[in-house]
Amino acid sequence: MNDPHRGFWPILGGVRFLLAIWVLFDHTYNFGPAERAIPVLTKSGLMAVMCFFVISGFSIHHSIATRPAGYLRRRVLRILPLNALAVLIAWLAWSMFGTSGGYLAPAKPPTPLQFIGCMLLLEAVLPIMISFLYPAWSLSIEAVYYLLAPLFKRLDGRPHIPAMMIASGLSFVAFPLFPDDYVADHSSFWLTALVMLWAWLAGWVAYRQPRDLRYLIGLGIAGLAGVATQAKFFDVAGFASAAVNCVAWIGTLVLVFYRVGEVGGRTAAAFEYLGELSFPLYILHYPVLFAVSSSLFKHYPNLNYGITQVIVSIAAAILAYHLVDKPLRVAPRTSRAPTTLLDARLAPTGRH
């Protein structure tokens, strides 16, 4: 049986929260003076997103395998409300403050159609990205993977998925040899979705084939090769930054292939809660910090420190979880399991 022990899901929740914090810490350099940002070993969150994708593929495979009925409806209800809240916050901040904050101001004023498209997560197929909604690029790609998950389920056991992983992984490693651009720095993200599919499928096959050393070794090598060819985009500037990226990648693969660890009691409850906060923290922190930097920090610049940004972002995530996310999920709880790499909760099996 592929279903992990119940005590493993809180571990994934805690890891997702750490990955969201990684991204948030990196982004404190985007909303204030660098000398006030949170000290980090790497100023790139690309590896955090790749690890998010691995956990997402693992969790989505569990979701569609254990509860196929209502799968797409559950996905829509899980991601669209908080994404809509993020877009609403961004729209209000732009309408009231414009570029007054001086951080992440778009080159051109965003149009109403851009806001609508971002609300529908169409960034993966249309050139509509708005700078102060940037973290949604990965969520828009995830939405594409969610739509493809029923197809992947039908292909389980066939050579198609390994072939797609090889093609996508090679494209990711070789990507800088052609445009030499950041893989997530495009007007639309359909190409990014193709070259990063292998990372999501890494979690997919980890759920179906636990402890498979062939996949584990191959995926590990591919990830390390990607870090090498795209070192500047992973912000590899020395041993420490290289080690952070490599350990995160290998550690995430080992975690999902070997289902490492299980917790219970209060520890599980704490990890579950942190897991619940990871998605609102990830998707809301950019528009929230854009709004704060355009208003509060503009009038009180001495408050604009990385630690202040972190406190504001976590507070916003807590409020969004309790006032928006949690009330929308009212089905009875039976057992817990996460449903996406960016999923802020450890969703019960009956509600994936």
Protein backbone atom coordinates (compact mmCIF):
# COMPACT_ATOMS: atom_id res chain seq x y z
CA MET A 1 0.00 0.00 0.00
CA ASN A 2 1.41 3.39 -1.04
CA ASP A 3 -0.47 5.52 1.48
CA PRO A 4 2.01 6.88 4.07
CA HIS A 5 1.45 6.62 7.78
CA ARG A 6 -0.80 9.34 9.18
CA GLY A 7 2.06 10.70 11.27
CA PHE A 8 4.07 11.48 8.15
CA TRP A 9 1.73 14.20 6.85
CA PRO A 10 2.51 16.68 9.66
CA ILE A 11 6.19 16.35 8.71
CA LEU A 12 5.35 17.50 5.19
CA GLY A 13 3.32 20.35 6.65
CA GLY A 14 6.26 21.58 8.66
CA VAL A 15 8.56 21.34 5.64
CA ARG A 16 6.11 23.34 3.51
CA PHE A 17 6.08 26.07 6.13
CA LEU A 18 9.88 26.19 6.18
CA LEU A 19 9.92 26.48 2.39
CA ALA A 20 7.39 29.33 2.52
CA ILE A 21 9.52 31.08 5.13
CA TRP A 22 12.56 30.61 2.88
CA VAL A 23 10.76 32.44 0.07
CA LEU A 24 9.52 35.16 2.43
CA PHE A 25 13.01 35.78 3.85
CA ASP A 26 14.41 36.11 0.33
CA HIS A 27 11.71 38.57 -0.63
CA THR A 28 12.51 40.91 2.24
CA TYR A 29 15.29 42.12 -0.08
CA ASN A 30 12.60 43.24 -2.56
CA PHE A 31 10.65 45.51 -0.21
CA GLY A 32 13.27 47.44 1.67
CA PRO A 33 16.95 48.29 2.00
CA ALA A 34 19.18 45.24 1.67
CA GLU A 35 20.96 46.05 4.92
CA ARG A 36 17.63 45.71 6.76
CA ALA A 37 16.55 42.44 5.12
CA ILE A 38 16.64 39.06 6.82
CA PRO A 39 20.14 37.55 6.47
CA VAL A 40 19.98 34.50 4.20
CA LEU A 41 22.48 32.11 2.66
CA THR A 42 20.85 32.41 -0.75
CA LYS A 43 18.69 35.20 -2.12
CA SER A 44 16.88 32.89 -4.52
CA GLY A 45 13.72 30.98 -3.68
CA LEU A 46 13.87 28.86 -6.85
CA MET A 47 14.94 25.74 -4.98
CA ALA A 48 12.16 26.25 -2.44
CA VAL A 49 9.65 26.27 -5.31
CA MET A 50 11.18 23.10 -6.79
CA CYS A 51 10.82 21.38 -3.43
CA PHE A 52 7.25 22.68 -3.19
CA PHE A 53 6.57 21.03 -6.56
CA VAL A 54 7.93 17.69 -5.34
CA ILE A 55 5.66 17.73 -2.29
CA SER A 56 2.73 18.81 -4.46
CA GLY A 57 3.15 15.91 -6.89
CA PHE A 58 3.32 13.49 -3.96
CA SER A 59 0.24 14.94 -2.28
CA ILE A 60 -1.86 15.27 -5.42
CA HIS A 61 -1.18 11.66 -6.34
CA HIS A 62 -2.43 10.68 -2.90
CA SER A 63 -5.50 12.87 -3.34
CA ILE A 64 -6.56 11.57 -6.72
CA ALA A 65 -5.72 7.96 -5.84
CA THR A 66 -7.69 7.89 -2.59
CA ARG A 67 -10.59 10.21 -3.47
CA PRO A 68 -10.95 10.64 -7.25
CA ALA A 69 -14.55 11.81 -6.99
CA GLY A 70 -14.69 15.60 -6.69
CA TYR A 71 -10.95 15.99 -7.20
CA LEU A 72 -11.09 19.10 -9.41
CA ARG A 73 -13.78 20.73 -7.28
CA ARG A 74 -11.59 20.31 -4.22
CA ARG A 75 -8.64 21.87 -6.03
CA VAL A 76 -10.68 24.87 -7.13
CA LEU A 77 -12.02 25.47 -3.64
CA ARG A 78 -8.56 25.08 -2.18
CA ILE A 79 -6.60 27.57 -4.27
CA LEU A 80 -8.93 30.10 -5.88
CA PRO A 81 -10.38 31.85 -2.79
CA LEU A 82 -6.98 32.76 -1.32
CA ASN A 83 -5.61 33.65 -4.73
CA ALA A 84 -8.63 35.90 -5.27
CA LEU A 85 -7.92 37.53 -1.90
CA ALA A 86 -4.31 38.13 -2.95
CA VAL A 87 -5.44 39.78 -6.19
CA LEU A 88 -8.03 41.87 -4.34
CA ILE A 89 -5.39 43.14 -1.89
CA ALA A 90 -3.08 43.96 -4.80
CA TRP A 91 -5.82 45.76 -6.71
CA LEU A 92 -6.84 47.84 -3.69
CA ALA A 93 -3.22 48.76 -2.94
CA TRP A 94 -2.59 49.74 -6.55
CA SER A 95 -5.83 51.73 -6.75
CA MET A 96 -5.12 53.65 -3.55
CA PHE A 97 -1.34 54.02 -3.53
CA GLY A 98 -0.08 53.30 -7.04
CA THR A 99 3.71 53.34 -7.16
CA SER A 100 4.12 55.51 -4.09
CA GLY A 101 5.95 52.80 -2.16
CA GLY A 102 8.75 52.64 -4.68
CA TYR A 103 8.98 48.83 -4.51
CA LEU A 104 7.91 46.41 -7.24
CA ALA A 105 6.15 49.09 -9.27
CA PRO A 106 5.17 47.61 -12.66
CA ALA A 107 6.73 49.13 -15.77
CA LYS A 108 3.23 49.69 -17.15
CA PRO A 109 0.02 50.23 -15.19
CA PRO A 110 -1.76 46.86 -14.96
CA THR A 111 -5.09 46.64 -16.78
CA PRO A 112 -8.39 45.31 -15.39
CA LEU A 113 -8.01 42.30 -17.69
CA GLN A 114 -4.65 41.53 -16.10
CA PHE A 115 -6.19 41.53 -12.63
CA ILE A 116 -9.03 39.29 -13.82
CA GLY A 117 -6.61 36.93 -15.53
CA CYS A 118 -4.44 36.73 -12.42
CA MET A 119 -7.51 35.99 -10.34
CA LEU A 120 -8.19 33.02 -12.64
CA LEU A 121 -4.53 31.90 -12.52
CA LEU A 122 -4.01 32.33 -16.25
CA GLU A 123 -0.40 33.50 -15.90
CA ALA A 124 0.78 30.12 -17.20
CA VAL A 125 -0.84 30.70 -20.59
CA LEU A 126 -1.23 34.48 -20.99
CA PRO A 127 1.27 37.38 -20.65
CA ILE A 128 -0.58 38.99 -17.75
CA MET A 129 1.82 38.77 -14.80
CA ILE A 130 1.77 41.77 -12.45
CA SER A 131 4.98 42.41 -10.54
CA PHE A 132 3.40 42.66 -7.09
CA LEU A 133 1.65 39.30 -7.60
CA TYR A 134 4.80 37.54 -8.71
CA PRO A 135 4.72 34.43 -6.45
CA ALA A 136 1.54 33.34 -8.26
CA TRP A 137 3.68 32.22 -11.21
CA SER A 138 4.28 28.87 -9.51
CA LEU A 139 0.65 28.52 -8.45
CA SER A 140 -0.53 29.11 -12.03
CA ILE A 141 1.80 26.31 -13.14
CA GLU A 142 0.53 24.06 -10.38
CA ALA A 143 -3.01 24.65 -11.63
CA VAL A 144 -1.91 23.25 -15.00
CA TYR A 145 -0.44 20.19 -13.29
CA TYR A 146 -3.67 19.72 -11.33
CA LEU A 147 -5.61 19.62 -14.60
CA LEU A 148 -3.19 17.05 -16.00
CA ALA A 149 -3.26 14.82 -12.90
CA PRO A 150 -6.16 12.61 -14.13
CA LEU A 151 -4.15 11.97 -17.31
CA PHE A 152 -1.04 11.13 -15.31
CA LYS A 153 -3.11 8.71 -13.23
CA ARG A 154 -4.14 6.84 -16.38
CA LEU A 155 -0.51 6.72 -17.48
CA ASP A 156 0.76 5.16 -14.24
CA GLY A 157 2.82 2.09 -14.98
CA ARG A 158 3.48 3.09 -18.59
CA PRO A 159 6.71 4.52 -20.00
CA HIS A 160 5.12 7.90 -20.76
CA ILE A 161 5.74 9.49 -17.35
CA PRO A 162 9.45 8.52 -17.19
CA ALA A 163 9.85 9.79 -20.76
CA MET A 164 8.23 13.11 -19.86
CA MET A 165 10.43 13.41 -16.79
CA ILE A 166 13.59 12.78 -18.80
CA ALA A 167 12.63 15.30 -21.50
CA SER A 168 11.57 17.94 -18.96
CA GLY A 169 14.59 17.37 -16.70
CA LEU A 170 17.06 17.63 -19.56
CA SER A 171 15.33 20.81 -20.73
CA PHE A 172 15.62 22.28 -17.25
CA VAL A 173 19.32 21.49 -16.95
CA ALA A 174 20.03 22.81 -20.47
CA PHE A 175 17.71 25.81 -20.22
CA PRO A 176 20.45 28.45 -19.61
CA LEU A 177 22.31 27.24 -22.68
CA PHE A 178 19.66 28.80 -24.90
CA PRO A 179 17.97 31.96 -23.56
CA ASP A 180 20.25 32.24 -20.47
CA ASP A 181 17.28 33.66 -18.58
CA TYR A 182 15.78 32.91 -15.22
CA VAL A 183 13.43 29.99 -15.78
CA ALA A 184 10.54 31.91 -14.18
CA ASP A 185 11.22 35.27 -15.83
CA HIS A 186 8.85 35.33 -18.79
CA SER A 187 5.73 37.20 -19.83
CA SER A 188 3.83 33.92 -19.60
CA PHE A 189 4.89 30.69 -17.97
CA TRP A 190 3.90 27.87 -20.33
CA LEU A 191 7.58 27.17 -21.06
CA THR A 192 8.38 27.19 -17.36
CA ALA A 193 5.57 24.66 -16.81
CA LEU A 194 7.18 22.34 -19.35
CA VAL A 195 10.75 22.53 -18.08
CA MET A 196 9.74 22.18 -14.40
CA LEU A 197 7.23 19.37 -14.87
CA TRP A 198 9.87 16.82 -13.90
CA ALA A 199 10.11 18.24 -10.37
CA TRP A 200 6.36 17.86 -9.85
CA LEU A 201 6.42 14.36 -11.32
CA ALA A 202 9.25 13.51 -8.94
CA GLY A 203 6.74 13.65 -6.11
CA TRP A 204 4.17 11.80 -8.23
CA VAL A 205 6.43 8.78 -8.75
CA ALA A 206 7.66 8.94 -5.13
CA TYR A 207 4.09 8.27 -4.00
CA ARG A 208 3.61 5.39 -6.44
CA GLN A 209 7.06 3.86 -6.13
CA PRO A 210 8.48 4.52 -2.64
CA ARG A 211 12.12 3.63 -2.01
CA ASP A 212 12.85 3.40 -5.73
CA LEU A 213 16.59 4.11 -5.84
CA ARG A 214 16.64 4.48 -9.63
CA TYR A 215 14.34 7.46 -9.50
CA LEU A 216 15.90 8.85 -6.34
CA ILE A 217 19.44 8.81 -7.75
CA GLY A 218 18.41 10.05 -11.20
CA LEU A 219 16.32 12.90 -9.83
CA GLY A 220 19.03 13.81 -7.34
CA ILE A 221 21.62 14.08 -10.09
CA ALA A 222 19.27 16.09 -12.31
CA GLY A 223 18.57 18.58 -9.52
CA LEU A 224 22.25 19.04 -8.71
CA ALA A 225 23.02 19.44 -12.41
CA GLY A 226 20.33 22.13 -12.63
CA VAL A 227 21.89 23.98 -9.71
CA ALA A 228 25.25 23.81 -11.49
CA THR A 229 24.02 25.08 -14.88
CA GLN A 230 21.81 27.76 -13.31
CA ALA A 231 24.05 28.68 -10.41
CA LYS A 232 23.41 32.42 -10.71
CA PHE A 233 19.65 31.89 -10.67
CA PHE A 234 19.94 29.75 -7.54
CA ASP A 235 22.19 32.52 -6.16
CA VAL A 236 25.10 30.14 -5.67
CA ALA A 237 27.90 32.42 -4.54
CA GLY A 238 29.99 30.03 -2.49
CA PHE A 239 29.95 26.80 -0.55
CA ALA A 240 27.19 27.81 1.88
CA SER A 241 24.67 28.88 -0.76
CA ALA A 242 25.45 25.83 -2.89
CA ALA A 243 25.04 23.54 0.13
CA VAL A 244 21.65 25.05 1.05
CA ASN A 245 20.27 24.39 -2.43
CA CYS A 246 21.72 20.90 -2.73
CA VAL A 247 20.74 19.75 0.76
CA ALA A 248 17.21 21.08 0.30
CA TRP A 249 16.78 19.18 -2.96
CA ILE A 250 18.27 15.88 -1.84
CA GLY A 251 16.56 16.13 1.53
CA THR A 252 13.13 16.65 -0.04
CA LEU A 253 13.59 13.68 -2.37
CA VAL A 254 14.68 11.43 0.49
CA LEU A 255 11.75 12.67 2.57
CA VAL A 256 9.08 11.73 0.03
CA PHE A 257 10.67 8.55 -1.34
CA TYR A 258 11.37 7.11 2.11
CA ARG A 259 8.48 8.81 4.02
CA VAL A 260 11.00 9.87 6.66
CA GLY A 261 9.64 10.52 10.13
CA GLU A 262 6.28 10.58 11.82
CA VAL A 263 4.96 12.61 14.71
CA GLY A 264 1.87 12.66 16.87
CA GLY A 265 0.21 14.55 19.67
CA ARG A 266 0.99 18.22 20.20
CA THR A 267 3.97 18.12 17.85
CA ALA A 268 1.77 16.89 15.02
CA ALA A 269 -0.82 19.54 15.82
CA ALA A 270 1.81 22.28 15.74
CA PHE A 271 3.26 21.05 12.44
CA GLU A 272 -0.22 20.75 10.98
CA TYR A 273 -1.03 24.32 11.89
CA LEU A 274 2.19 25.58 10.35
CA GLY A 275 1.36 23.57 7.25
CA GLU A 276 -2.03 25.25 7.14
CA LEU A 277 -0.35 28.66 7.12
CA SER A 278 2.13 27.87 4.37
CA PHE A 279 -0.16 28.53 1.39
CA PRO A 280 -1.68 31.84 2.58
CA LEU A 281 1.80 32.93 3.65
CA TYR A 282 3.22 32.16 0.21
CA ILE A 283 0.47 33.64 -1.93
CA LEU A 284 -0.36 36.71 0.20
CA HIS A 285 3.00 38.05 1.35
CA TYR A 286 3.84 39.85 -1.91
CA PRO A 287 0.63 41.86 -2.31
CA VAL A 288 0.48 42.50 1.44
CA LEU A 289 4.04 43.82 1.52
CA PHE A 290 3.37 45.89 -1.60
CA ALA A 291 0.41 47.46 0.19
CA VAL A 292 2.36 48.05 3.41
CA SER A 293 5.43 49.46 1.67
CA SER A 294 3.18 51.84 -0.28
CA SER A 295 1.44 53.13 2.84
CA LEU A 296 2.80 52.43 6.34
CA PHE A 297 6.46 52.09 5.39
CA LYS A 298 6.24 55.17 3.17
CA HIS A 299 5.22 57.35 6.10
CA TYR A 300 7.28 55.48 8.71
CA PRO A 301 10.38 54.23 6.84
CA ASN A 302 12.12 53.34 10.10
CA LEU A 303 9.63 50.46 10.43
CA ASN A 304 10.71 48.92 7.16
CA TYR A 305 12.88 46.09 8.40
CA GLY A 306 12.88 42.48 7.27
CA ILE A 307 11.62 41.31 10.64
CA THR A 308 8.68 43.73 10.41
CA GLN A 309 7.85 42.41 6.95
CA VAL A 310 7.93 38.85 8.28
CA ILE A 311 5.63 39.70 11.21
CA VAL A 312 3.15 41.49 8.94
CA SER A 313 3.16 38.62 6.44
CA ILE A 314 2.62 35.92 9.04
CA ALA A 315 -0.15 37.95 10.70
CA ALA A 316 -1.87 38.32 7.32
CA ALA A 317 -1.54 34.58 6.69
CA ILE A 318 -3.07 33.74 10.08
CA LEU A 319 -6.00 36.07 9.50
CA ALA A 320 -6.58 34.75 5.99
CA TYR A 321 -6.48 31.17 7.18
CA HIS A 322 -8.99 31.69 9.99
CA LEU A 323 -11.32 34.14 8.21
CA VAL A 324 -11.24 32.85 4.62
CA ASP A 325 -9.52 29.52 4.14
CA LYS A 326 -10.70 27.48 7.11
CA PRO A 327 -14.39 28.52 6.98
CA LEU A 328 -14.58 27.32 3.37
CA ARG A 329 -13.52 23.83 4.37
CA VAL A 330 -16.33 22.48 6.50
CA ALA A 331 -16.48 18.79 5.58
CA PRO A 332 -15.89 16.38 8.48
CA ARG A 333 -12.31 15.36 9.17
CA THR A 334 -11.37 11.73 8.87
CA SER A 335 -7.61 11.56 8.32
CA ARG A 336 -4.98 14.08 7.38
CA ALA A 337 -2.91 14.47 4.22
CA PRO A 338 -1.57 17.52 2.38
CA THR A 339 -2.95 18.23 -1.05
CA THR A 340 -0.41 20.54 -2.69
CA LEU A 341 3.12 21.81 -2.44
CA LEU A 342 1.78 25.24 -1.63
CA ASP A 343 -1.14 23.85 0.39
CA ALA A 344 -1.40 25.68 3.67
CA ARG A 345 -3.11 22.82 5.44
CA LEU A 346 -2.80 19.10 5.98
CA ALA A 347 -6.13 18.26 4.43
CA PRO A 348 -8.15 15.31 5.68
CA THR A 349 -8.31 12.37 3.29
CA GLY A 350 -12.05 12.89 2.96
CA ARG A 351 -11.61 16.46 1.78
CA HIS A 352 -8.71 16.41 -0.69
